[in-house]
Structures are given as C-alpha cells and as structure tokens.
Amino acid sequence: MKVIKFSKVVFFSACITATKALPSLGPTHTVYSGNYKIQECGSLSPKVDALLQQTFTFLQPLISNPTINQPAYQAFFGGVPPDPVQRVYSQIATGANLTFEGFSPSTPLQTQPQIFCVSPSRRNDLAECGKKSLLFYKNAVGLCPDFFAWTLRGGGCGSTNAAKTSMVSTPPDGQYGAMVYGLAHMYLKQIYETPDAESVIVPINDCINAKPGVKVKSAANYYFYALSVLENCTDFPKGPVSPPDSDRDRELLAAEHGSEFVVMAGLYEDVA
C-alpha cells in the first residue's frame, strides 16, 4: 500500500505570548461545515463551523467584485489579473476537494479539506504547537489551543513610515486572518504545485514588493489583502517598497515578524 506524504507548515504569531490550557474536546468525531470536515473538535465544533461560515461571508466581496484599482489590491496583487485571485478565494469559500497522487496515475485520490483541533491524542502535534496557533498540512489545517485565545478579527490596519516608502506595522492577528492564510496555503499548493518555501512569504514589505508571478502564489498576500479589505485599509507605500529607513522602523518590523514558518514532513491521517 502506498503512503501519501503530506507536508506540513507550522505557523505561529509573535502576538501569542503564553500557551493556553487545552480546551475540553470531548470524544473524537467528525462534523461538516459545507464541504469541510471538522475533526476531533468535540464541543468546539460549533465554534469552528461558525468561524468557517463567517470567513466565507467576509470573502464574498473578494470573489464577486474585486476592485483592482483599490490601494489594497495594488499593494498585494498589483500587476495580477483578478481571475486567479478570485479562484483561490472561491476555492476557500466552497471547500473545493483536493486531489493527490493515488495508487496509480489513472486513479488520483480526491479528499475533502479538513479542519482538526489538536487534541491530547495527537501528542506530536500538541508538542509542535507550543505557543503557535496553527499547523498547516497539505490536506488540512490544525487548530492549536492558542488559536482559540484569538478574537475573530484583530481589528485595525497596518501603517507606513512617514515617507510612505515601507510598512512599519501589519494588521493585528485574528482567527479569520489565520484561517485565510492556512486555507490559501493549502489551495495554492494544489493550483500551482508550489514548494512550501514559495508560498510562505511572510514580511509584509516583501509581499508588496514581490513580482506579480510571486504575489499570486503567496499565501501571505491573500492573508494581507483579505484583512486589508475587511478593515478598509488604505495606507500603503507609494511605489516600490524600500527597506525600513530608520532604526525604529526596523524595530517595529522585527516585533511584527518575530515568528517563523517551519516546513516539516508529516501526514494528517483521517480519523473518521
């Protein structure tokens, strides 16, 4: 029997400072939110379902009516036509099935996207969570205990320096943004078959300054654009982004991006 290897990306935020107690997850079971399978979340399943439904609602303007001339679109997708951007957000909203190599090239494996809560039964995942918030697999997003300490949306926008040559802060983290990032990463790997390193551009200035062909494959660009539209953000650099031009700028960016994305090998196993 051929084992399909799913890579995993671990996300954590500098905004989380302490690991929260693991919620009571109850018995292992599976529920559905549209085409998404919610696994091992127990009593938290309704909260996860509500988050997914709210995420789909927030994404609708980006799917039905993207405004390519708005400052946020120009910042994060300048030079990219709207169709490929809409495609990613649409797949997130519909929970499009994922396709992987099967037992033979003529029989590919299709699976539903999955959201799972990291429970005590998954000791390795729980240890990897630490102070992190999400575990990202090719076929699933894992919610760490600290994820549930976040509010739905962080609220507010990032800001530029006085010369408007670079960003010195980013929008605050929240469950919505984190979920968009995780699901965008998952679907971008399906659409473009990108290596993990190509879809985890993290610093906001790098996202803005990237070439169009890179922006369209970067999960962080989808994350920052979705948050910026939700919060009606309009303060972005004018023209190409320069490196931070003061010690204070560098300190602010270091505080915003003190976290990392770590690519690891692993397999999310369907427990249903």
Protein backbone atom coordinates (compact mmCIF):
# COMPACT_ATOMS: atom_id res chain seq x y z
CA MET A 1 0.00 0.00 0.00
CA LYS A 2 1.37 3.37 -0.99
CA VAL A 3 1.50 6.00 1.75
CA ILE A 4 0.92 9.54 0.55
CA LYS A 5 3.18 12.04 2.27
CA PHE A 6 1.60 15.36 3.13
CA SER A 7 3.93 18.19 4.04
CA LYS A 8 3.09 20.43 6.92
CA VAL A 9 3.78 24.07 7.64
CA VAL A 10 3.71 25.35 11.21
CA PHE A 11 2.50 28.92 11.81
CA PHE A 12 2.84 30.92 14.96
CA SER A 13 2.45 34.56 15.86
CA ALA A 14 4.52 36.87 17.99
CA CYS A 15 1.21 38.19 19.34
CA ILE A 16 0.65 35.00 21.36
CA THR A 17 2.74 35.07 24.50
CA ALA A 18 1.57 32.11 26.54
CA THR A 19 0.18 28.65 25.81
CA LYS A 20 -3.43 28.37 26.97
CA ALA A 21 -4.89 25.32 28.63
CA LEU A 22 -6.16 22.81 26.09
CA PRO A 23 -9.95 23.07 25.71
CA SER A 24 -12.07 20.06 26.52
CA LEU A 25 -12.52 18.43 23.13
CA GLY A 26 -14.70 15.52 24.11
CA PRO A 27 -14.85 12.30 22.10
CA THR A 28 -13.38 12.07 18.63
CA HIS A 29 -15.98 12.72 15.96
CA THR A 30 -16.48 14.37 12.58
CA VAL A 31 -18.95 17.09 11.65
CA TYR A 32 -19.31 19.04 8.40
CA SER A 33 -19.31 22.72 7.51
CA GLY A 34 -20.26 22.79 3.86
CA ASN A 35 -17.67 20.56 2.22
CA TYR A 36 -15.17 20.96 5.07
CA LYS A 37 -14.70 18.12 7.52
CA ILE A 38 -14.24 19.30 11.12
CA GLN A 39 -12.43 16.60 13.06
CA GLU A 40 -11.57 15.98 16.71
CA CYS A 41 -13.02 19.30 17.91
CA GLY A 42 -15.75 17.96 20.20
CA SER A 43 -17.61 20.80 21.89
CA LEU A 44 -15.59 23.32 19.89
CA SER A 45 -17.06 22.10 16.58
CA PRO A 46 -19.88 24.72 16.53
CA LYS A 47 -17.30 27.49 17.05
CA VAL A 48 -15.15 26.18 14.21
CA ASP A 49 -18.21 25.89 11.96
CA ALA A 50 -19.24 29.46 12.82
CA LEU A 51 -15.72 30.69 12.05
CA LEU A 52 -15.75 28.98 8.64
CA GLN A 53 -19.16 30.44 7.82
CA GLN A 54 -18.02 33.92 8.85
CA THR A 55 -14.85 33.50 6.80
CA PHE A 56 -16.91 32.65 3.71
CA THR A 57 -19.08 35.74 4.30
CA PHE A 58 -16.07 38.03 4.64
CA LEU A 59 -14.57 36.62 1.43
CA GLN A 60 -17.61 37.21 -0.77
CA PRO A 61 -16.64 40.76 -1.88
CA LEU A 62 -13.21 39.46 -2.91
CA ILE A 63 -14.84 36.76 -5.04
CA SER A 64 -17.75 38.65 -6.60
CA ASN A 65 -16.36 42.15 -7.03
CA PRO A 66 -12.60 42.58 -6.64
CA THR A 67 -11.60 46.20 -7.23
CA ILE A 68 -8.20 46.09 -8.88
CA ASN A 69 -7.72 49.86 -8.60
CA GLN A 70 -8.17 49.95 -4.83
CA PRO A 71 -4.99 50.59 -2.78
CA ALA A 72 -5.06 47.17 -1.09
CA TYR A 73 -5.29 45.27 -4.38
CA GLN A 74 -2.50 47.32 -5.91
CA ALA A 75 -0.34 46.73 -2.84
CA PHE A 76 -0.72 42.96 -2.66
CA PHE A 77 -1.74 41.96 -6.20
CA GLY A 78 -0.58 44.82 -8.40
CA GLY A 79 0.01 43.51 -11.91
CA VAL A 80 -2.06 40.36 -11.25
CA PRO A 81 -5.41 39.99 -13.11
CA PRO A 82 -8.35 39.32 -10.78
CA ASP A 83 -9.26 35.85 -12.10
CA PRO A 84 -6.52 33.79 -10.36
CA VAL A 85 -7.03 35.72 -7.12
CA GLN A 86 -10.78 35.11 -7.24
CA ARG A 87 -10.14 31.44 -7.94
CA VAL A 88 -8.21 30.93 -4.69
CA TYR A 89 -10.75 32.77 -2.55
CA SER A 90 -13.57 30.89 -4.27
CA GLN A 91 -11.97 27.52 -3.55
CA ILE A 92 -11.57 28.51 0.10
CA ALA A 93 -15.23 29.56 0.29
CA THR A 94 -16.59 26.43 -1.38
CA GLY A 95 -14.17 23.99 0.26
CA ALA A 96 -13.18 22.55 -3.10
CA ASN A 97 -11.98 18.95 -3.00
CA LEU A 98 -8.23 18.31 -3.03
CA THR A 99 -6.54 15.94 -5.46
CA PHE A 100 -3.41 13.92 -4.72
CA GLU A 101 -1.50 11.10 -6.31
CA GLY A 102 -3.36 7.86 -5.78
CA PHE A 103 -2.41 4.20 -6.08
CA SER A 104 -1.84 4.74 -9.81
CA PRO A 105 -1.70 7.78 -12.14
CA SER A 106 -5.08 6.82 -13.57
CA THR A 107 -6.77 6.82 -10.15
CA PRO A 108 -5.97 10.09 -8.34
CA LEU A 109 -7.12 10.43 -4.77
CA GLN A 110 -9.71 13.10 -4.04
CA THR A 111 -10.36 14.21 -0.49
CA GLN A 112 -12.37 16.88 1.27
CA PRO A 113 -10.47 19.69 3.01
CA GLN A 114 -10.23 19.14 6.75
CA ILE A 115 -10.01 21.27 9.87
CA PHE A 116 -8.94 19.49 13.03
CA CYS A 117 -8.37 20.53 16.61
CA VAL A 118 -5.06 19.46 18.12
CA SER A 119 -6.11 17.16 20.94
CA PRO A 120 -4.13 15.28 23.62
CA SER A 121 -4.37 12.14 21.46
CA ARG A 122 -2.10 13.86 18.93
CA ARG A 123 0.90 14.22 21.21
CA ASN A 124 3.38 15.09 18.47
CA ASP A 125 1.14 17.80 17.05
CA LEU A 126 0.43 19.14 20.53
CA ALA A 127 4.14 19.34 21.27
CA GLU A 128 4.72 21.17 17.98
CA CYS A 129 2.01 23.69 18.79
CA GLY A 130 3.86 25.14 21.77
CA LYS A 131 2.97 28.83 21.56
CA LYS A 132 1.93 28.51 17.95
CA SER A 133 -1.62 28.80 16.71
CA LEU A 134 -1.96 26.64 13.60
CA LEU A 135 -0.47 23.58 11.95
CA PHE A 136 -0.77 23.55 8.19
CA TYR A 137 -0.87 20.31 6.22
CA LYS A 138 -1.44 19.87 2.50
CA ASN A 139 -4.90 18.49 3.15
CA ALA A 140 -5.80 20.07 6.48
CA VAL A 141 -5.43 22.96 8.91
CA GLY A 142 -4.85 22.06 12.56
CA LEU A 143 -6.07 24.42 15.26
CA CYS A 144 -3.71 24.62 18.25
CA PRO A 145 -5.02 25.55 21.72
CA ASP A 146 -3.75 29.14 21.42
CA PHE A 147 -5.84 29.64 18.29
CA PHE A 148 -8.95 29.77 20.47
CA ALA A 149 -7.48 32.63 22.52
CA TRP A 150 -7.69 34.92 19.47
CA THR A 151 -10.71 37.05 18.63
CA LEU A 152 -12.41 36.62 15.25
CA ARG A 153 -10.66 39.65 13.81
CA GLY A 154 -7.76 41.64 15.17
CA GLY A 155 -9.22 44.96 14.02
CA GLY A 156 -7.24 47.84 12.59
CA CYS A 157 -4.73 48.27 9.79
CA GLY A 158 -1.01 48.32 9.28
CA SER A 159 0.78 51.63 8.79
CA THR A 160 3.56 53.13 6.69
CA ASN A 161 6.51 55.20 7.76
CA ALA A 162 6.34 58.98 7.40
CA ALA A 163 7.88 58.91 3.93
CA LYS A 164 5.42 56.19 2.82
CA THR A 165 8.28 54.09 1.48
CA SER A 166 7.64 50.98 3.61
CA MET A 167 5.21 49.40 6.08
CA VAL A 168 6.21 49.60 9.74
CA SER A 169 3.31 47.53 11.13
CA THR A 170 0.82 44.93 9.98
CA PRO A 171 -2.89 44.35 10.67
CA PRO A 172 -3.42 42.62 14.04
CA ASP A 173 -3.84 38.85 14.01
CA GLY A 174 -7.20 37.14 14.41
CA GLN A 175 -8.87 33.80 13.73
CA TYR A 176 -10.24 34.99 10.38
CA GLY A 177 -6.88 36.03 9.01
CA ALA A 178 -5.15 32.91 10.26
CA MET A 179 -7.79 30.69 8.67
CA VAL A 180 -7.50 32.53 5.34
CA TYR A 181 -3.74 32.09 5.42
CA GLY A 182 -3.93 28.36 6.16
CA LEU A 183 -6.55 27.60 3.55
CA ALA A 184 -4.87 29.80 0.93
CA HIS A 185 -1.61 27.92 1.50
CA MET A 186 -3.43 24.62 1.05
CA TYR A 187 -5.18 25.60 -2.21
CA LEU A 188 -2.18 27.41 -3.70
CA LYS A 189 -0.21 24.19 -3.40
CA GLN A 190 -3.00 22.45 -5.30
CA ILE A 191 -3.27 25.06 -8.05
CA TYR A 192 0.39 25.81 -8.64
CA GLU A 193 2.09 22.76 -7.07
CA THR A 194 4.37 25.22 -5.29
CA PRO A 195 7.04 24.15 -2.83
CA ASP A 196 6.30 25.28 0.72
CA ALA A 197 9.03 27.92 0.56
CA GLU A 198 7.33 29.65 -2.37
CA SER A 199 4.02 30.11 -0.60
CA VAL A 200 5.28 31.42 2.73
CA ILE A 201 6.49 34.95 2.01
CA VAL A 202 5.86 36.48 5.40
CA PRO A 203 7.11 40.08 5.87
CA ILE A 204 4.51 42.48 4.58
CA ASN A 205 7.06 44.60 2.70
CA ASP A 206 8.29 41.51 0.84
CA CYS A 207 4.69 40.70 -0.09
CA ILE A 208 4.16 44.19 -1.50
CA ASN A 209 7.49 44.32 -3.31
CA ALA A 210 7.24 40.85 -4.90
CA LYS A 211 6.79 40.38 -8.62
CA PRO A 212 3.22 39.61 -9.81
CA GLY A 213 4.12 35.99 -10.55
CA VAL A 214 5.23 35.57 -6.94
CA LYS A 215 2.38 37.54 -5.37
CA VAL A 216 -0.25 35.30 -6.94
CA LYS A 217 1.38 32.22 -5.35
CA SER A 218 1.98 33.72 -1.89
CA ALA A 219 -0.49 32.76 0.84
CA ALA A 220 0.58 35.78 2.87
CA ASN A 221 -0.55 38.12 0.07
CA TYR A 222 -4.03 36.58 0.23
CA TYR A 223 -3.92 36.96 4.00
CA PHE A 224 -2.89 40.63 4.00
CA TYR A 225 -5.27 41.54 1.18
CA ALA A 226 -8.25 39.86 2.85
CA LEU A 227 -7.56 41.65 6.15
CA SER A 228 -6.99 45.00 4.42
CA VAL A 229 -10.31 44.83 2.57
CA LEU A 230 -12.20 43.76 5.70
CA GLU A 231 -10.77 46.66 7.71
CA ASN A 232 -10.96 49.20 4.83
CA CYS A 233 -7.21 49.82 4.96
CA THR A 234 -5.77 52.37 2.53
CA ASP A 235 -2.36 53.28 3.97
CA PHE A 236 0.23 51.55 1.80
CA PRO A 237 3.62 52.55 0.39
CA LYS A 238 3.68 54.69 -2.74
CA GLY A 239 5.67 52.93 -5.44
CA PRO A 240 8.21 50.16 -4.85
CA VAL A 241 8.85 49.37 -1.20
CA SER A 242 12.18 50.41 0.23
CA PRO A 243 13.88 48.67 3.16
CA PRO A 244 12.99 50.21 6.55
CA ASP A 245 14.72 53.57 6.65
CA SER A 246 15.20 54.04 10.36
CA ASP A 247 16.19 52.03 13.40
CA ARG A 248 12.64 52.49 14.72
CA ASP A 249 11.18 51.04 11.54
CA ARG A 250 13.45 48.03 11.83
CA GLU A 251 12.46 47.55 15.48
CA LEU A 252 8.76 47.68 14.61
CA LEU A 253 9.11 45.17 11.81
CA ALA A 254 11.19 42.86 14.00
CA ALA A 255 8.39 42.92 16.57
CA GLU A 256 5.77 42.21 13.92
CA HIS A 257 7.71 39.36 12.32
CA GLY A 258 9.48 37.69 15.20
CA SER A 259 7.77 34.44 14.25
CA GLU A 260 8.71 31.90 11.57
CA PHE A 261 7.21 29.36 9.24
CA VAL A 262 8.80 25.93 9.58
CA VAL A 263 8.39 23.28 6.89
CA MET A 264 8.20 19.75 8.27
CA ALA A 265 7.39 16.28 6.94
CA GLY A 266 4.22 14.63 8.14
CA LEU A 267 0.85 13.07 7.33
CA TYR A 268 -2.54 14.14 8.54
CA GLU A 269 -4.50 10.91 8.95
CA ASP A 270 -8.25 10.87 8.58
CA VAL A 271 -9.64 9.58 11.87
CA ALA A 272 -13.26 9.42 10.76
